[in-house]
Amino acid sequence: MSSSFRFYCVFLLLGLLTSCTKQPDLTGFDVEKFVQDEAGCEGNRASQIAWLKSHKENLKGVSSNDIEDILGKPDIQQLADRNQEYYVYFLEKGPHCDKITNPSQAYCMAFRFSAIGLATEITFQNGLP
């Protein structure tokens, strides 16, 4: 088998894997309201916490690119062990609203993504993971 053929096969396989990502059902979720409330500082994200909690299983397996397309750029992005990363979205106002680097114990939602960029865990907590 030639090296160019192997390269083509690997490239094709990667293309198939990335094009077949899970698309969540967002019925009942106000995407625009969430995205426009940057860092939860206007208080509009708080009204969607119940929906997010009840649909978190539906968001697992979604790619980091798709989550960013849906919810907007994360308020905080953290790198973790083994090429994993976290996307943190604040859901309420806190000290981070004055300056995003301010330590904050505000309620937030954190997505943990695997090394291949799929959401493996979604948590709700006060402060960063």
C-alpha atoms as a PDB file:
ATOM      1  CA  MET A   1       0.000   0.000   0.000  1.00  0.00           C
ATOM      2  CA  SER A   2       1.491   3.350  -0.997  1.00  0.00           C
ATOM      3  CA  SER A   3       1.976   6.095   1.572  1.00  0.00           C
ATOM      4  CA  SER A   4      -0.209   8.487  -0.427  1.00  0.00           C
ATOM      5  CA  PHE A   5      -3.047   5.950  -0.387  1.00  0.00           C
ATOM      6  CA  ARG A   6      -2.691   5.568   3.420  1.00  0.00           C
ATOM      7  CA  PHE A   7      -2.697   9.343   3.818  1.00  0.00           C
ATOM      8  CA  TYR A   8      -5.858   9.567   1.709  1.00  0.00           C
ATOM      9  CA  CYS A   9      -7.570   6.870   3.822  1.00  0.00           C
ATOM     10  CA  VAL A  10      -6.657   8.595   7.091  1.00  0.00           C
ATOM     11  CA  PHE A  11      -7.809  11.953   5.722  1.00  0.00           C
ATOM     12  CA  LEU A  12     -11.116  10.426   4.583  1.00  0.00           C
ATOM     13  CA  LEU A  13     -11.666   8.723   7.938  1.00  0.00           C
ATOM     14  CA  LEU A  14     -11.028  11.965   9.843  1.00  0.00           C
ATOM     15  CA  GLY A  15     -13.420  13.794   7.540  1.00  0.00           C
ATOM     16  CA  LEU A  16     -16.141  11.236   8.180  1.00  0.00           C
ATOM     17  CA  LEU A  17     -15.653  11.368  11.939  1.00  0.00           C
ATOM     18  CA  THR A  18     -15.865  15.152  12.102  1.00  0.00           C
ATOM     19  CA  SER A  19     -18.820  15.438   9.736  1.00  0.00           C
ATOM     20  CA  CYS A  20     -20.942  12.985  11.728  1.00  0.00           C
ATOM     21  CA  THR A  21     -21.163  14.876  14.984  1.00  0.00           C
ATOM     22  CA  LYS A  22     -24.292  14.765  17.082  1.00  0.00           C
ATOM     23  CA  GLN A  23     -26.687  17.705  16.679  1.00  0.00           C
ATOM     24  CA  PRO A  24     -28.737  18.360  19.838  1.00  0.00           C
ATOM     25  CA  ASP A  25     -32.465  19.063  19.870  1.00  0.00           C
ATOM     26  CA  LEU A  26     -32.806  22.694  21.011  1.00  0.00           C
ATOM     27  CA  THR A  27     -36.605  22.884  21.053  1.00  0.00           C
ATOM     28  CA  GLY A  28     -37.628  25.266  23.843  1.00  0.00           C
ATOM     29  CA  PHE A  29     -34.174  26.822  24.253  1.00  0.00           C
ATOM     30  CA  ASP A  30     -33.708  30.508  23.392  1.00  0.00           C
ATOM     31  CA  VAL A  31     -30.266  30.398  21.754  1.00  0.00           C
ATOM     32  CA  GLU A  32     -30.247  34.091  20.854  1.00  0.00           C
ATOM     33  CA  LYS A  33     -31.117  35.131  24.414  1.00  0.00           C
ATOM     34  CA  PHE A  34     -28.308  32.939  25.788  1.00  0.00           C
ATOM     35  CA  VAL A  35     -25.664  34.168  23.339  1.00  0.00           C
ATOM     36  CA  GLN A  36     -26.538  37.842  23.774  1.00  0.00           C
ATOM     37  CA  ASP A  37     -26.224  37.632  27.579  1.00  0.00           C
ATOM     38  CA  GLU A  38     -22.428  37.551  27.597  1.00  0.00           C
ATOM     39  CA  ALA A  39     -21.067  35.925  30.796  1.00  0.00           C
ATOM     40  CA  GLY A  40     -24.586  35.932  32.256  1.00  0.00           C
ATOM     41  CA  CYS A  41     -24.131  39.563  33.308  1.00  0.00           C
ATOM     42  CA  GLU A  42     -27.581  40.728  32.133  1.00  0.00           C
ATOM     43  CA  GLY A  43     -29.373  37.955  34.023  1.00  0.00           C
ATOM     44  CA  ASN A  44     -31.050  36.412  30.966  1.00  0.00           C
ATOM     45  CA  ARG A  45     -29.200  33.090  31.097  1.00  0.00           C
ATOM     46  CA  ALA A  46     -30.565  32.319  34.569  1.00  0.00           C
ATOM     47  CA  SER A  47     -34.068  31.826  33.146  1.00  0.00           C
ATOM     48  CA  GLN A  48     -32.749  28.953  31.012  1.00  0.00           C
ATOM     49  CA  ILE A  49     -31.000  26.955  33.770  1.00  0.00           C
ATOM     50  CA  ALA A  50     -33.919  24.529  34.198  1.00  0.00           C
ATOM     51  CA  TRP A  51     -33.944  23.763  30.443  1.00  0.00           C
ATOM     52  CA  LEU A  52     -30.169  23.279  30.367  1.00  0.00           C
ATOM     53  CA  LYS A  53     -30.227  20.931  33.377  1.00  0.00           C
ATOM     54  CA  SER A  54     -33.072  18.838  32.016  1.00  0.00           C
ATOM     55  CA  HIS A  55     -31.414  18.541  28.574  1.00  0.00           C
ATOM     56  CA  LYS A  56     -27.776  18.095  29.570  1.00  0.00           C
ATOM     57  CA  GLU A  57     -27.727  14.442  28.457  1.00  0.00           C
ATOM     58  CA  ASN A  58     -28.822  15.626  25.004  1.00  0.00           C
ATOM     59  CA  LEU A  59     -25.749  17.898  24.881  1.00  0.00           C
ATOM     60  CA  LYS A  60     -23.274  15.107  25.662  1.00  0.00           C
ATOM     61  CA  GLY A  61     -21.435  13.829  22.608  1.00  0.00           C
ATOM     62  CA  VAL A  62     -21.718  17.194  20.846  1.00  0.00           C
ATOM     63  CA  SER A  63     -18.440  18.581  19.477  1.00  0.00           C
ATOM     64  CA  SER A  64     -16.759  21.630  20.992  1.00  0.00           C
ATOM     65  CA  ASN A  65     -17.149  23.411  17.639  1.00  0.00           C
ATOM     66  CA  ASP A  66     -20.894  22.758  17.625  1.00  0.00           C
ATOM     67  CA  ILE A  67     -21.288  23.861  21.259  1.00  0.00           C
ATOM     68  CA  GLU A  68     -19.491  27.093  20.390  1.00  0.00           C
ATOM     69  CA  ASP A  69     -21.715  27.548  17.323  1.00  0.00           C
ATOM     70  CA  ILE A  70     -24.811  27.075  19.498  1.00  0.00           C
ATOM     71  CA  LEU A  71     -23.916  28.859  22.758  1.00  0.00           C
ATOM     72  CA  GLY A  72     -21.301  31.285  21.492  1.00  0.00           C
ATOM     73  CA  LYS A  73     -17.711  31.606  22.576  1.00  0.00           C
ATOM     74  CA  PRO A  74     -17.217  30.263  26.114  1.00  0.00           C
ATOM     75  CA  ASP A  75     -16.737  32.803  28.903  1.00  0.00           C
ATOM     76  CA  ILE A  76     -13.739  30.809  30.146  1.00  0.00           C
ATOM     77  CA  GLN A  77     -11.802  28.129  28.265  1.00  0.00           C
ATOM     78  CA  GLN A  78      -9.456  25.894  30.290  1.00  0.00           C
ATOM     79  CA  LEU A  79      -7.027  23.204  29.212  1.00  0.00           C
ATOM     80  CA  ALA A  80      -6.980  20.026  31.299  1.00  0.00           C
ATOM     81  CA  ASP A  81      -4.946  16.793  31.454  1.00  0.00           C
ATOM     82  CA  ARG A  82      -4.631  14.458  28.491  1.00  0.00           C
ATOM     83  CA  ASN A  83      -5.589  17.070  25.872  1.00  0.00           C
ATOM     84  CA  GLN A  84      -9.013  17.624  27.394  1.00  0.00           C
ATOM     85  CA  GLU A  85     -10.541  21.069  27.797  1.00  0.00           C
ATOM     86  CA  TYR A  86     -13.364  22.848  29.576  1.00  0.00           C
ATOM     87  CA  TYR A  87     -15.779  25.460  28.262  1.00  0.00           C
ATOM     88  CA  VAL A  88     -17.351  27.474  31.067  1.00  0.00           C
ATOM     89  CA  TYR A  89     -20.485  29.561  30.612  1.00  0.00           C
ATOM     90  CA  PHE A  90     -21.525  31.771  33.543  1.00  0.00           C
ATOM     91  CA  LEU A  91     -25.266  31.634  34.166  1.00  0.00           C
ATOM     92  CA  GLU A  92     -25.546  34.561  36.588  1.00  0.00           C
ATOM     93  CA  LYS A  93     -23.958  37.905  37.347  1.00  0.00           C
ATOM     94  CA  GLY A  94     -20.826  37.986  39.480  1.00  0.00           C
ATOM     95  CA  PRO A  95     -17.406  39.643  39.925  1.00  0.00           C
ATOM     96  CA  HIS A  96     -16.411  38.318  36.500  1.00  0.00           C
ATOM     97  CA  CYS A  97     -18.778  40.891  34.969  1.00  0.00           C
ATOM     98  CA  ASP A  98     -16.425  43.717  35.969  1.00  0.00           C
ATOM     99  CA  LYS A  99     -13.426  41.873  34.547  1.00  0.00           C
ATOM    100  CA  ILE A 100     -13.623  38.307  33.194  1.00  0.00           C
ATOM    101  CA  THR A 101     -10.353  37.364  34.947  1.00  0.00           C
ATOM    102  CA  ASN A 102     -11.783  38.284  38.387  1.00  0.00           C
ATOM    103  CA  PRO A 103     -12.281  35.190  40.555  1.00  0.00           C
ATOM    104  CA  SER A 104     -15.984  34.398  40.635  1.00  0.00           C
ATOM    105  CA  GLN A 105     -18.172  31.951  42.519  1.00  0.00           C
ATOM    106  CA  ALA A 106     -21.122  32.705  40.245  1.00  0.00           C
ATOM    107  CA  TYR A 107     -23.253  29.784  39.102  1.00  0.00           C
ATOM    108  CA  CYS A 108     -21.964  28.347  35.835  1.00  0.00           C
ATOM    109  CA  MET A 109     -22.201  25.437  33.428  1.00  0.00           C
ATOM    110  CA  ALA A 110     -19.006  23.636  32.438  1.00  0.00           C
ATOM    111  CA  PHE A 111     -18.543  21.320  29.468  1.00  0.00           C
ATOM    112  CA  ARG A 112     -15.642  18.880  29.616  1.00  0.00           C
ATOM    113  CA  PHE A 113     -14.438  17.823  26.174  1.00  0.00           C
ATOM    114  CA  SER A 114     -12.409  14.709  25.407  1.00  0.00           C
ATOM    115  CA  ALA A 115      -9.164  14.768  23.449  1.00  0.00           C
ATOM    116  CA  ILE A 116     -11.206  14.293  20.252  1.00  0.00           C
ATOM    117  CA  GLY A 117     -13.385  17.317  21.083  1.00  0.00           C
ATOM    118  CA  LEU A 118     -16.665  15.694  22.193  1.00  0.00           C
ATOM    119  CA  ALA A 119     -18.582  16.756  25.317  1.00  0.00           C
ATOM    120  CA  THR A 120     -18.163  13.980  27.872  1.00  0.00           C
ATOM    121  CA  GLU A 121     -19.422  15.731  30.999  1.00  0.00           C
ATOM    122  CA  ILE A 122     -21.620  18.742  31.745  1.00  0.00           C
ATOM    123  CA  THR A 123     -21.691  20.109  35.273  1.00  0.00           C
ATOM    124  CA  PHE A 124     -23.423  22.972  37.052  1.00  0.00           C
ATOM    125  CA  GLN A 125     -21.599  24.567  39.966  1.00  0.00           C
ATOM    126  CA  ASN A 126     -20.582  27.738  41.700  1.00  0.00           C
ATOM    127  CA  GLY A 127     -17.130  28.793  40.476  1.00  0.00           C
ATOM    128  CA  LEU A 128     -14.833  27.176  37.966  1.00  0.00           C
ATOM    129  CA  PRO A 129     -14.290  23.403  37.711  1.00  0.00           C
END
